[in-house]
C-alpha atoms as a PDB file:
ATOM      1  CA  UNK A   1      -2.389  -1.287 -16.803  1.00  0.00           C
ATOM      2  CA  UNK A   2      -5.030   0.492 -14.777  1.00  0.00           C
ATOM      3  CA  UNK A   3      -4.874   4.065 -13.557  1.00  0.00           C
ATOM      4  CA  UNK A   4      -7.075   6.288 -11.423  1.00  0.00           C
ATOM      5  CA  UNK A   5      -7.667   9.991 -11.817  1.00  0.00           C
ATOM      6  CA  UNK A   6      -9.343  12.244  -9.306  1.00  0.00           C
ATOM      7  CA  UNK A   7     -12.642  13.978  -9.832  1.00  0.00           C
ATOM      8  CA  UNK A   8     -13.272  17.435  -8.393  1.00  0.00           C
ATOM      9  CA  UNK A   9     -14.942  17.150  -5.010  1.00  0.00           C
ATOM     10  CA  UNK A  10     -14.376  13.402  -4.684  1.00  0.00           C
ATOM     11  CA  UNK A  11     -12.706  11.881  -1.642  1.00  0.00           C
ATOM     12  CA  UNK A  12      -9.533  10.392  -3.090  1.00  0.00           C
ATOM     13  CA  UNK A  13      -8.750   8.341  -0.002  1.00  0.00           C
ATOM     14  CA  UNK A  14     -12.183   6.666   0.017  1.00  0.00           C
ATOM     15  CA  UNK A  15     -11.979   5.960  -3.721  1.00  0.00           C
ATOM     16  CA  UNK A  16      -8.494   4.484  -3.372  1.00  0.00           C
ATOM     17  CA  UNK A  17      -9.614   2.198  -0.535  1.00  0.00           C
ATOM     18  CA  UNK A  18     -12.592   1.018  -2.607  1.00  0.00           C
ATOM     19  CA  UNK A  19     -10.369   0.284  -5.627  1.00  0.00           C
ATOM     20  CA  UNK A  20      -7.858  -1.586  -3.439  1.00  0.00           C
ATOM     21  CA  UNK A  21     -10.678  -3.702  -1.974  1.00  0.00           C
ATOM     22  CA  UNK A  22     -12.037  -4.478  -5.456  1.00  0.00           C
ATOM     23  CA  UNK A  23      -8.551  -5.443  -6.641  1.00  0.00           C
ATOM     24  CA  UNK A  24      -8.076  -7.694  -3.616  1.00  0.00           C
ATOM     25  CA  UNK A  25     -11.345  -9.441  -4.544  1.00  0.00           C
ATOM     26  CA  UNK A  26     -10.151  -9.855  -8.149  1.00  0.00           C
ATOM     27  CA  UNK A  27      -6.636 -11.016  -7.281  1.00  0.00           C
ATOM     28  CA  UNK A  28      -7.375 -14.790  -7.150  1.00  0.00           C
ATOM     29  CA  UNK A  29      -9.067 -14.701 -10.559  1.00  0.00           C
ATOM     30  CA  UNK A  30      -6.206 -12.664 -12.021  1.00  0.00           C
ATOM     31  CA  UNK A  31      -3.574 -15.029 -10.606  1.00  0.00           C
ATOM     32  CA  UNK A  32      -5.341 -18.036 -12.089  1.00  0.00           C
ATOM     33  CA  UNK A  33      -4.932 -16.421 -15.515  1.00  0.00           C
ATOM     34  CA  UNK A  34      -1.259 -15.634 -14.957  1.00  0.00           C
ATOM     35  CA  UNK A  35      -1.735 -11.910 -14.360  1.00  0.00           C
ATOM     36  CA  UNK A  36       0.480 -10.403 -11.682  1.00  0.00           C
ATOM     37  CA  UNK A  37      -1.059  -7.626  -9.632  1.00  0.00           C
ATOM     38  CA  UNK A  38       1.113  -4.894  -8.125  1.00  0.00           C
ATOM     39  CA  UNK A  39      -1.429  -2.920  -6.139  1.00  0.00           C
ATOM     40  CA  UNK A  40       0.904  -0.852  -3.966  1.00  0.00           C
ATOM     41  CA  UNK A  41       2.809   0.933  -6.719  1.00  0.00           C
ATOM     42  CA  UNK A  42       2.227   4.674  -6.739  1.00  0.00           C
ATOM     43  CA  UNK A  43      -0.762   4.448  -4.431  1.00  0.00           C
ATOM     44  CA  UNK A  44      -2.496   7.799  -4.153  1.00  0.00           C
ATOM     45  CA  UNK A  45      -3.356   6.974  -0.550  1.00  0.00           C
ATOM     46  CA  UNK A  46       0.340   6.820   0.343  1.00  0.00           C
ATOM     47  CA  UNK A  47       0.970   9.976  -1.678  1.00  0.00           C
ATOM     48  CA  UNK A  48      -1.667  11.895   0.291  1.00  0.00           C
ATOM     49  CA  UNK A  49      -0.429  10.572   3.630  1.00  0.00           C
ATOM     50  CA  UNK A  50       3.129  11.616   2.777  1.00  0.00           C
ATOM     51  CA  UNK A  51       1.894  15.027   1.653  1.00  0.00           C
ATOM     52  CA  UNK A  52       0.045  15.582   4.932  1.00  0.00           C
ATOM     53  CA  UNK A  53       3.015  14.353   6.979  1.00  0.00           C
ATOM     54  CA  UNK A  54       5.348  16.632   5.026  1.00  0.00           C
ATOM     55  CA  UNK A  55       3.242  19.726   5.638  1.00  0.00           C
ATOM     56  CA  UNK A  56       3.455  19.611   9.416  1.00  0.00           C
ATOM     57  CA  UNK A  57       5.374  22.409  11.095  1.00  0.00           C
ATOM     58  CA  UNK A  58       9.003  22.391   9.994  1.00  0.00           C
ATOM     59  CA  UNK A  59       8.928  23.314   6.297  1.00  0.00           C
ATOM     60  CA  UNK A  60       6.377  26.089   6.871  1.00  0.00           C
ATOM     61  CA  UNK A  61       8.476  27.701   9.597  1.00  0.00           C
ATOM     62  CA  UNK A  62      11.601  27.583   7.439  1.00  0.00           C
ATOM     63  CA  UNK A  63       9.701  29.062   4.482  1.00  0.00           C
ATOM     64  CA  UNK A  64       8.275  31.851   6.649  1.00  0.00           C
ATOM     65  CA  UNK A  65      11.707  32.790   7.991  1.00  0.00           C
ATOM     66  CA  UNK A  66      13.203  32.820   4.486  1.00  0.00           C
ATOM     67  CA  UNK A  67      10.362  34.982   3.127  1.00  0.00           C
ATOM     68  CA  UNK A  68      10.747  37.432   5.991  1.00  0.00           C
ATOM     69  CA  UNK A  69      14.512  37.569   5.400  1.00  0.00           C
ATOM     70  CA  UNK A  70      14.068  38.293   1.679  1.00  0.00           C
ATOM     71  CA  UNK A  71      11.511  41.008   2.417  1.00  0.00           C
ATOM     72  CA  UNK A  72      13.895  42.566   4.936  1.00  0.00           C
ATOM     73  CA  UNK A  73      16.781  42.476   2.430  1.00  0.00           C
ATOM     74  CA  UNK A  74      14.700  44.274  -0.207  1.00  0.00           C
ATOM     75  CA  UNK A  75      12.933  46.754   2.063  1.00  0.00           C
ATOM     76  CA  UNK A  76      15.774  47.362   4.564  1.00  0.00           C
ATOM     77  CA  UNK A  77      13.223  47.991   7.280  1.00  0.00           C
ATOM     78  CA  UNK A  78      11.975  45.329   9.668  1.00  0.00           C
ATOM     79  CA  UNK A  79       8.585  46.997  10.292  1.00  0.00           C
ATOM     80  CA  UNK A  80       7.873  47.348   6.569  1.00  0.00           C
ATOM     81  CA  UNK A  81       8.939  43.741   5.983  1.00  0.00           C
ATOM     82  CA  UNK A  82       6.682  42.550   8.797  1.00  0.00           C
ATOM     83  CA  UNK A  83       3.720  44.527   7.404  1.00  0.00           C
ATOM     84  CA  UNK A  84       4.226  43.044   3.915  1.00  0.00           C
ATOM     85  CA  UNK A  85       4.787  39.600   5.443  1.00  0.00           C
ATOM     86  CA  UNK A  86       1.379  39.694   7.131  1.00  0.00           C
ATOM     87  CA  UNK A  87      -0.549  41.759   4.556  1.00  0.00           C
ATOM     88  CA  UNK A  88       0.055  39.492   1.554  1.00  0.00           C
ATOM     89  CA  UNK A  89      -1.271  36.237   3.100  1.00  0.00           C
ATOM     90  CA  UNK A  90      -4.164  38.068   4.785  1.00  0.00           C
ATOM     91  CA  UNK A  91      -5.273  39.651   1.520  1.00  0.00           C
ATOM     92  CA  UNK A  92      -5.136  36.267  -0.234  1.00  0.00           C
ATOM     93  CA  UNK A  93      -7.103  34.691   2.609  1.00  0.00           C
ATOM     94  CA  UNK A  94      -9.709  37.490   2.503  1.00  0.00           C
ATOM     95  CA  UNK A  95     -10.044  37.100  -1.281  1.00  0.00           C
ATOM     96  CA  UNK A  96     -10.528  33.358  -0.839  1.00  0.00           C
ATOM     97  CA  UNK A  97     -13.244  33.885   1.777  1.00  0.00           C
ATOM     98  CA  UNK A  98     -15.084  36.452  -0.318  1.00  0.00           C
ATOM     99  CA  UNK A  99     -14.994  34.310  -3.458  1.00  0.00           C
ATOM    100  CA  UNK A 100     -16.243  31.326  -1.457  1.00  0.00           C
ATOM    101  CA  UNK A 101     -19.064  33.448  -0.052  1.00  0.00           C
ATOM    102  CA  UNK A 102     -20.058  34.533  -3.574  1.00  0.00           C
ATOM    103  CA  UNK A 103     -19.988  30.968  -4.871  1.00  0.00           C
ATOM    104  CA  UNK A 104     -16.785  31.151  -6.917  1.00  0.00           C
ATOM    105  CA  UNK A 105     -14.015  28.622  -6.680  1.00  0.00           C
END
């Protein structure tokens, strides 16, 4: 059994394609020794493609509406809920930008 793990900063898609190409080159030699190669099982490339496809539009809109509804139920004021709804992500985004500017991760 062979497994791959990701390294921080590495391009997982490029590494997966390189491993798949190397395995395709090795496949004839492996078959001659009676080793069966299942290269498509749990491919990280397919995992990343599915993750990107799943993050488009729909789920984010549903999550945003549900978060706004919960804030409204707790605060009982639409303006206060809207302020909290925008302030929390903006403060996280600002913190992320400042830590990136200072060299932190």
